Protein backbone atom coordinates (compact mmCIF):
# COMPACT_ATOMS: atom_id res chain seq x y z
CA MET A 1 55.39 9.14 78.78
CA LYS A 2 55.14 12.18 76.54
CA LYS A 3 57.33 10.35 74.03
CA TRP A 4 55.08 7.28 74.02
CA GLY A 5 51.97 9.46 73.82
CA LEU A 6 53.31 11.21 70.74
CA LEU A 7 54.16 7.89 69.08
CA SER A 8 50.69 6.53 69.82
CA PHE A 9 49.09 9.58 68.24
CA ILE A 10 51.24 9.24 65.10
CA LEU A 11 50.36 5.52 64.83
CA LEU A 12 46.65 6.28 65.14
CA VAL A 13 46.84 8.89 62.38
CA MET A 14 48.75 6.51 60.06
CA MET A 15 46.23 3.73 60.70
CA ALA A 16 43.35 6.08 59.90
CA ILE A 17 45.01 7.05 56.62
CA VAL A 18 45.61 3.39 55.67
CA VAL A 19 42.08 2.38 56.57
CA GLY A 20 40.68 5.37 54.66
CA CYS A 21 42.69 4.47 51.56
CA ASN A 22 41.63 0.85 51.72
CA SER A 23 37.99 1.88 52.17
CA GLU A 24 38.21 4.18 49.15
CA GLU A 25 39.74 1.39 47.08
CA VAL A 26 37.09 -1.05 48.21
CA GLN A 27 34.34 1.51 47.47
CA THR A 28 35.84 2.19 44.03
CA GLU A 29 36.02 -1.49 43.23
CA THR A 30 32.45 -1.94 44.48
CA ASN A 31 31.22 0.93 42.28
CA GLU A 32 33.05 -0.48 39.27
CA ASP A 33 31.59 -3.93 39.94
CA SER A 34 28.13 -2.37 40.26
CA GLU A 35 28.52 -0.54 36.96
CA VAL A 36 29.61 -3.75 35.22
CA SER A 37 26.71 -5.63 36.79
CA SER A 38 24.24 -2.92 35.75
CA GLU A 39 25.56 -2.98 32.21
CA ALA A 40 25.26 -6.76 32.12
CA ILE A 41 21.70 -6.65 33.49
CA THR A 42 20.68 -3.93 31.01
CA LYS A 43 22.16 -5.88 28.11
CA GLU A 44 20.40 -9.04 29.24
CA GLU A 45 17.09 -7.20 29.58
CA GLU A 46 17.45 -5.78 26.07
CA GLU A 47 18.26 -9.20 24.67
CA ASN A 48 15.27 -10.71 26.42
CA LYS A 49 13.09 -7.87 25.19
CA ASP A 50 14.26 -8.36 21.61
CA GLU A 51 13.65 -12.09 21.88
CA ASN A 52 10.26 -11.98 23.56
CA SER A 53 8.76 -8.80 22.18
CA ASN A 54 7.11 -8.84 18.77
CA ASP A 55 6.27 -5.19 18.30
CA SER A 56 4.92 -4.60 14.79
CA ILE A 57 5.26 -1.65 12.46
CA GLY A 58 2.20 -0.22 14.15
CA GLY A 59 3.34 -1.00 17.71
CA GLN A 60 1.09 -4.04 18.03
CA GLN A 61 1.93 -6.82 20.46
CA PHE A 62 1.93 -10.51 19.58
CA PRO A 63 0.58 -13.14 20.03
CA VAL A 64 -2.76 -12.01 18.61
CA SER A 65 -5.98 -13.97 18.18
CA VAL A 66 -8.57 -13.22 15.47
CA ILE A 67 -11.73 -14.70 14.00
CA ASP A 68 -11.01 -15.33 10.32
CA GLY A 69 -13.38 -15.70 7.37
CA THR A 70 -14.33 -19.22 8.42
CA GLY A 71 -15.61 -18.07 11.80
CA GLN A 72 -12.77 -19.91 13.54
CA GLU A 73 -10.35 -18.39 16.03
CA VAL A 74 -6.74 -18.29 14.82
CA THR A 75 -3.77 -17.26 16.94
CA ILE A 76 -0.63 -15.77 15.41
CA GLU A 77 2.21 -16.19 17.88
CA LYS A 78 4.77 -13.88 16.28
CA GLU A 79 4.70 -10.99 13.86
CA PRO A 80 4.95 -12.44 10.33
CA LYS A 81 8.14 -11.56 8.50
CA THR A 82 7.17 -13.15 5.17
CA ILE A 83 3.72 -13.23 3.57
CA VAL A 84 2.11 -14.97 0.61
CA SER A 85 -1.14 -13.47 -0.74
CA LEU A 86 -3.36 -15.63 -2.93
CA GLN A 87 -6.04 -13.09 -3.80
CA ALA A 88 -5.71 -9.77 -5.63
CA SER A 89 -7.75 -7.83 -3.08
CA ASN A 90 -5.67 -9.20 -0.19
CA THR A 91 -2.54 -8.09 -2.02
CA GLU A 92 -3.89 -4.59 -2.53
CA VAL A 93 -4.75 -4.35 1.15
CA SER A 94 -1.32 -5.65 2.18
CA PHE A 95 0.51 -3.10 0.05
CA ALA A 96 -1.74 -0.32 1.33
CA LEU A 97 -0.81 -1.37 4.88
CA GLY A 98 2.89 -0.89 4.04
CA LEU A 99 3.78 -4.58 4.04
CA GLU A 100 5.46 -4.66 0.61
CA GLU A 101 8.84 -5.68 2.03
CA LYS A 102 7.27 -8.76 3.61
CA ILE A 103 5.33 -10.03 0.60
CA VAL A 104 7.25 -12.85 -1.09
CA GLY A 105 4.49 -14.33 -3.23
CA VAL A 106 1.25 -13.15 -4.86
CA SER A 107 -1.47 -14.67 -7.03
CA ASP A 108 -1.31 -14.73 -10.81
CA PHE A 109 -3.98 -12.02 -10.98
CA CYS A 110 -2.37 -9.51 -8.63
CA ASN A 111 -1.85 -6.44 -10.80
CA TYR A 112 -1.97 -3.55 -8.35
CA PRO A 113 0.07 -1.73 -7.25
CA ALA A 114 2.72 -1.96 -9.98
CA GLU A 115 5.20 -3.36 -7.45
CA ALA A 116 2.99 -6.44 -7.09
CA LEU A 117 3.82 -7.39 -10.67
CA GLU A 118 7.45 -7.87 -9.66
CA VAL A 119 6.67 -10.35 -6.87
CA ASP A 120 6.90 -14.10 -7.53
CA LYS A 121 3.61 -15.62 -8.69
CA VAL A 122 2.35 -18.59 -6.68
CA GLY A 123 -0.83 -19.55 -8.53
CA ALA A 124 -4.39 -18.38 -8.05
CA GLN A 125 -7.44 -20.54 -7.33
CA ASP A 126 -5.17 -23.48 -8.08
CA MET A 127 -2.16 -22.84 -5.88
CA ASN A 128 1.44 -23.73 -6.69
CA VAL A 129 1.79 -25.83 -3.57
CA GLU A 130 5.41 -26.87 -4.05
CA LEU A 131 6.55 -23.30 -4.61
CA ILE A 132 4.70 -21.99 -1.58
CA LEU A 133 6.10 -24.75 0.62
CA SER A 134 9.62 -24.02 -0.66
CA MET A 135 9.14 -20.37 0.34
CA LEU A 136 7.82 -21.41 3.76
CA PRO A 137 6.24 -18.02 4.51
CA ASP A 138 5.16 -17.10 8.01
CA LEU A 139 1.68 -16.23 6.80
CA ALA A 140 -0.59 -17.18 3.89
CA LEU A 141 -3.59 -14.97 3.12
CA VAL A 142 -6.12 -17.11 1.25
CA SER A 143 -9.74 -16.78 0.15
CA ALA A 144 -12.99 -18.53 0.98
CA TYR A 145 -12.64 -20.34 -2.35
CA HIS A 146 -9.37 -21.93 -1.22
CA TYR A 147 -10.95 -22.94 2.07
CA ASN A 148 -14.00 -24.50 0.39
CA ASN A 149 -12.10 -26.26 -2.40
CA HIS A 150 -8.54 -26.88 -1.17
CA ALA A 151 -8.87 -27.56 2.56
CA GLU A 152 -6.32 -30.40 2.40
CA ILE A 153 -3.69 -28.10 0.91
CA LEU A 154 -4.32 -25.47 3.57
CA ASN A 155 -3.85 -28.15 6.23
CA GLN A 156 -0.60 -29.08 4.52
CA PHE A 157 0.52 -25.48 4.86
CA LYS A 158 -0.40 -25.47 8.55
CA ASP A 159 1.51 -28.72 9.15
CA ALA A 160 4.56 -27.06 7.59
CA GLY A 161 4.33 -24.23 10.14
CA ILE A 162 2.63 -21.65 7.91
CA ASN A 163 -0.08 -19.56 9.55
CA VAL A 164 -3.15 -19.63 7.29
CA ILE A 165 -5.73 -16.85 7.42
CA VAL A 166 -8.90 -17.21 5.37
CA VAL A 167 -10.11 -13.76 4.35
CA GLY A 168 -13.83 -14.04 3.71
CA ASP A 169 -15.79 -12.71 0.75
CA ALA A 170 -17.09 -9.15 0.83
CA SER A 171 -20.22 -7.72 -0.76
CA ASN A 172 -20.45 -4.28 0.86
CA PHE A 173 -18.27 -1.58 2.38
CA ASN A 174 -18.62 -2.85 5.95
CA ASP A 175 -17.31 -6.24 4.82
CA VAL A 176 -14.32 -4.50 3.22
CA TYR A 177 -13.58 -2.58 6.41
CA GLU A 178 -13.57 -5.85 8.37
CA LYS A 179 -11.33 -7.45 5.75
CA ILE A 180 -8.77 -4.63 6.02
CA GLU A 181 -8.87 -4.75 9.81
CA LEU A 182 -8.38 -8.54 9.83
CA ILE A 183 -5.31 -8.38 7.58
CA GLY A 184 -3.98 -5.50 9.65
CA ALA A 185 -4.40 -7.45 12.88
CA VAL A 186 -2.62 -10.62 11.73
CA THR A 187 0.29 -8.72 10.15
CA GLY A 188 0.92 -6.26 12.95
CA ALA A 189 -0.48 -3.28 11.06
CA THR A 190 -3.55 -2.53 13.14
CA ALA A 191 -2.85 1.20 13.29
CA GLU A 192 -2.33 1.39 9.55
CA ALA A 193 -5.58 -0.49 8.94
CA GLU A 194 -7.45 1.95 11.14
CA VAL A 195 -6.09 4.89 9.13
CA ILE A 196 -7.22 3.34 5.83
CA VAL A 197 -10.70 2.42 7.09
CA THR A 198 -11.22 5.84 8.66
CA ASP A 199 -10.22 7.57 5.42
CA MET A 200 -12.61 5.40 3.39
CA GLN A 201 -15.45 6.06 5.82
CA LYS A 202 -14.92 9.83 5.79
CA ARG A 203 -14.79 9.97 2.00
CA LEU A 204 -17.91 7.84 1.73
CA GLU A 205 -19.75 10.16 4.10
CA THR A 206 -18.65 13.12 1.97
CA VAL A 207 -20.16 11.45 -1.10
CA LYS A 208 -23.39 10.73 0.78
CA GLY A 209 -23.56 14.34 1.87
CA LEU A 210 -23.21 15.65 -1.67
CA ALA A 211 -25.71 13.08 -2.95
CA LYS A 212 -28.41 14.78 -0.89
CA GLU A 213 -28.27 17.59 -3.46
CA VAL A 214 -29.64 15.25 -6.14
CA THR A 215 -33.15 16.39 -7.01
CA GLU A 216 -33.86 14.04 -9.90
CA GLN A 217 -32.53 10.51 -9.66
CA LYS A 218 -31.03 8.89 -12.74
CA LYS A 219 -31.45 5.26 -13.73
CA ILE A 220 -28.13 3.53 -14.30
CA TRP A 221 -27.31 0.42 -16.33
CA VAL A 222 -24.04 -1.17 -15.21
CA GLU A 223 -22.47 -3.49 -17.75
CA VAL A 224 -19.72 -5.76 -16.42
CA ALA A 225 -19.41 -7.98 -19.51
CA PRO A 226 -19.89 -7.00 -23.17
CA ALA A 227 -22.24 -8.43 -25.80
CA PRO A 228 -23.28 -11.05 -26.62
CA ASP A 229 -23.37 -12.26 -23.00
CA ILE A 230 -24.15 -9.02 -21.20
CA PHE A 231 -23.87 -9.26 -17.42
CA THR A 232 -24.85 -6.68 -14.84
CA THR A 233 -24.92 -6.35 -11.05
CA GLY A 234 -28.03 -6.49 -8.91
CA GLN A 235 -28.55 -6.29 -5.17
CA GLY A 236 -25.81 -7.61 -2.90
CA THR A 237 -22.97 -6.19 -5.01
CA PHE A 238 -20.62 -3.26 -4.61
CA MET A 239 -22.02 -1.52 -7.66
CA HIS A 240 -25.55 -1.64 -6.29
CA GLU A 241 -24.41 -0.14 -2.99
CA MET A 242 -22.39 2.53 -4.80
CA LEU A 243 -25.42 3.61 -6.82
CA GLU A 244 -27.49 3.81 -3.64
CA VAL A 245 -24.78 5.90 -1.97
CA ILE A 246 -24.82 8.51 -4.77
CA ASN A 247 -28.64 8.57 -4.85
CA ALA A 248 -28.98 6.84 -8.22
CA ILE A 249 -31.23 3.96 -9.29
CA ASN A 250 -29.83 0.62 -10.36
CA ALA A 251 -31.70 -0.40 -13.53
CA ALA A 252 -31.16 -4.02 -12.53
CA GLY A 253 -32.05 -3.43 -8.88
CA GLU A 254 -34.82 -6.04 -8.91
CA HIS A 255 -32.24 -8.77 -9.52
CA GLU A 256 -29.84 -10.36 -7.05
CA GLY A 257 -26.08 -10.64 -7.53
CA TRP A 258 -24.54 -11.03 -10.98
CA VAL A 259 -27.12 -11.60 -13.71
CA MET A 260 -27.24 -11.81 -17.50
CA LEU A 261 -29.96 -9.95 -19.40
CA THR A 262 -30.80 -9.85 -23.09
CA GLU A 263 -30.39 -6.70 -25.15
CA GLU A 264 -34.17 -6.50 -25.53
CA GLU A 265 -34.59 -6.51 -21.73
CA ILE A 266 -31.94 -3.83 -21.29
CA VAL A 267 -33.50 -1.56 -23.92
CA GLN A 268 -36.84 -1.86 -22.13
CA LEU A 269 -35.18 -0.63 -18.92
CA ASN A 270 -34.28 2.60 -20.76
CA PRO A 271 -31.39 3.77 -18.52
CA ASP A 272 -30.29 7.42 -18.36
CA VAL A 273 -26.59 6.51 -18.00
CA ILE A 274 -24.65 3.38 -18.95
CA ILE A 275 -21.49 2.43 -17.05
CA THR A 276 -19.17 -0.25 -18.46
CA THR A 277 -16.38 -1.86 -16.46
CA TYR A 278 -14.42 -3.88 -19.03
CA GLY A 279 -12.33 -1.28 -20.81
CA SER A 280 -9.12 -2.88 -19.56
CA TYR A 281 -9.60 -5.85 -21.91
CA TYR A 282 -12.15 -4.64 -24.47
CA GLU A 283 -11.23 -1.88 -26.91
CA ASN A 284 -13.37 1.27 -26.91
CA PRO A 285 -16.38 -0.06 -24.98
CA GLU A 286 -18.23 3.27 -25.02
CA GLN A 287 -18.38 3.41 -28.81
CA SER A 288 -19.34 -0.24 -28.98
CA VAL A 289 -22.40 0.39 -26.80
CA LEU A 290 -23.34 3.62 -28.59
CA SER A 291 -23.37 1.86 -31.95
CA ARG A 292 -25.51 -1.15 -31.01
CA ASP A 293 -28.39 -1.94 -33.29
CA GLY A 294 -31.79 -1.32 -31.76
CA TRP A 295 -30.50 0.88 -28.94
CA SER A 296 -31.00 4.27 -30.57
CA ASP A 297 -34.12 5.10 -28.52
CA VAL A 298 -32.42 4.44 -25.17
CA SER A 299 -32.02 7.69 -23.21
CA ALA A 300 -28.34 7.04 -22.43
CA ILE A 301 -27.61 6.49 -26.12
CA LYS A 302 -29.49 9.61 -27.21
CA SER A 303 -27.56 11.80 -24.78
CA GLU A 304 -24.30 9.86 -25.26
CA GLN A 305 -24.07 9.16 -21.55
CA VAL A 306 -21.90 6.03 -21.76
CA PHE A 307 -18.76 5.86 -19.61
CA ASP A 308 -16.16 3.22 -18.81
CA VAL A 309 -14.62 2.88 -15.35
CA GLU A 310 -11.81 0.58 -14.31
CA GLY A 311 -13.37 -2.67 -13.21
CA ASP A 312 -10.99 -3.31 -10.33
CA ILE A 313 -11.99 -0.16 -8.45
CA VAL A 314 -15.68 -1.01 -8.45
CA VAL A 315 -15.69 -4.78 -7.92
CA ARG A 316 -12.44 -5.62 -6.08
CA PRO A 317 -12.98 -5.47 -2.30
CA GLY A 318 -10.07 -3.27 -1.29
CA PRO A 319 -9.10 0.30 -0.38
CA ARG A 320 -9.68 1.60 -3.94
CA LEU A 321 -13.45 0.98 -3.77
CA ILE A 322 -13.91 4.50 -2.49
CA GLU A 323 -12.25 5.74 -5.68
CA GLY A 324 -14.82 3.75 -7.63
CA VAL A 325 -17.67 5.54 -5.88
CA GLU A 326 -16.11 8.93 -6.55
CA HIS A 327 -15.51 8.15 -10.24
CA ILE A 328 -19.03 6.92 -10.85
CA ALA A 329 -20.53 9.88 -9.01
CA LYS A 330 -18.69 12.32 -11.30
CA TYR A 331 -19.95 10.55 -14.41
CA ILE A 332 -23.58 10.36 -13.30
CA TYR A 333 -23.98 13.70 -11.51
CA PRO A 334 -21.11 15.89 -12.80
CA GLU A 335 -22.88 19.11 -11.82
CA ILE A 336 -22.66 18.01 -8.15
CA PHE A 337 -19.55 15.87 -7.84
CA ASN A 338 -17.17 17.76 -10.11
C-alpha cells in the first residue's frame, strides 16, 4: 500500500508539471495571438484614419461648408491638394496662407509673390478652359466677374469634379478679412487665415491710434491714372478708407468709386499732398506731376509733396493692403508715422 501510495503521489506531481507546461504554452500562444491581433487592429485603424481623415495644414477637418461670394452654400468634401487661382488677389492670399505647393495655375496678372511668376498661367478674365480642365485641380478660386460672365464655364468645371469657389469683390478692410477667411476655410488653412487677419487688424489699430495725433488734416489727391485721362478714387474704395484711417481728407471724397476729373477741376481742389499709384508702368510720375502746366499754384506742387506708391498695395484686396496704409501715412504725416 505504501508502494502504491508513493507511485500515486509521483504520478500526480508529473501530471501537474505537464498541465502547467501546457497551460504556459497555451498562455504564451494566446499572448502572441493577442499581440498580433492588436497590431493588426492598430494598423487597420491607422489606415482608416488616413483614408477618412482630411486634416489640413492648420488642423482643420473636412468636409467643410462655406457661403461663397455668390451667397450660395458650397461644401468641400476633402482638403484640396491642387489649386488654380484666377485672380491676383486670391493668389496673394493663397501664398500668404502657405499654399504655394498646392497652386498649379494662376492668372496672367498674378505677379506677387515672385514665386507666382513661375506658376503656369491659365488666363485671366477669359480663362484657358482646356488647360484648366487638363490640370483637373481640386479647387478653382474665381472672381465675381467669372461668375457673372462665364457661368457656363464654371458649371463645366463643376461637372468635371472641380470645386469652384467664387471669391466676391472687396471694397473695404472688412471685406478683405472675409475674403482671406473664406480662402482659408476652403483650403484647410483656417488657422493661418486667422493669424493674417489678426495681424492686419492690430496694425490698422496702431495706425488709427497714431492718427489721433494729427492736429491739422491734410487734403490728399490720389491719382490712379496719369494725364490726359486722370482717374482718382472716391468713396467706396480702399484709398478713401485708408485716408480716413490716417485722419486725412480725400480731395475727391464727394465722388463715388473710380472717377475721372479734368486738370482744371483738380487744380481747383488745391490738395496739400498728391499720391500717384502708377509708377510701376509710368516712368518718373512724381516729376511728371510737378512739371504740369497750370499747376504751379497748387499747394502740393509748391511744397513738392508728390509721392508714388505701388498700386498693388493700395488697390489689390489682399494682405498687403495694410502695408499700403502704412506707406501712405508716412508720406502724408511723416512727423507722426516715421
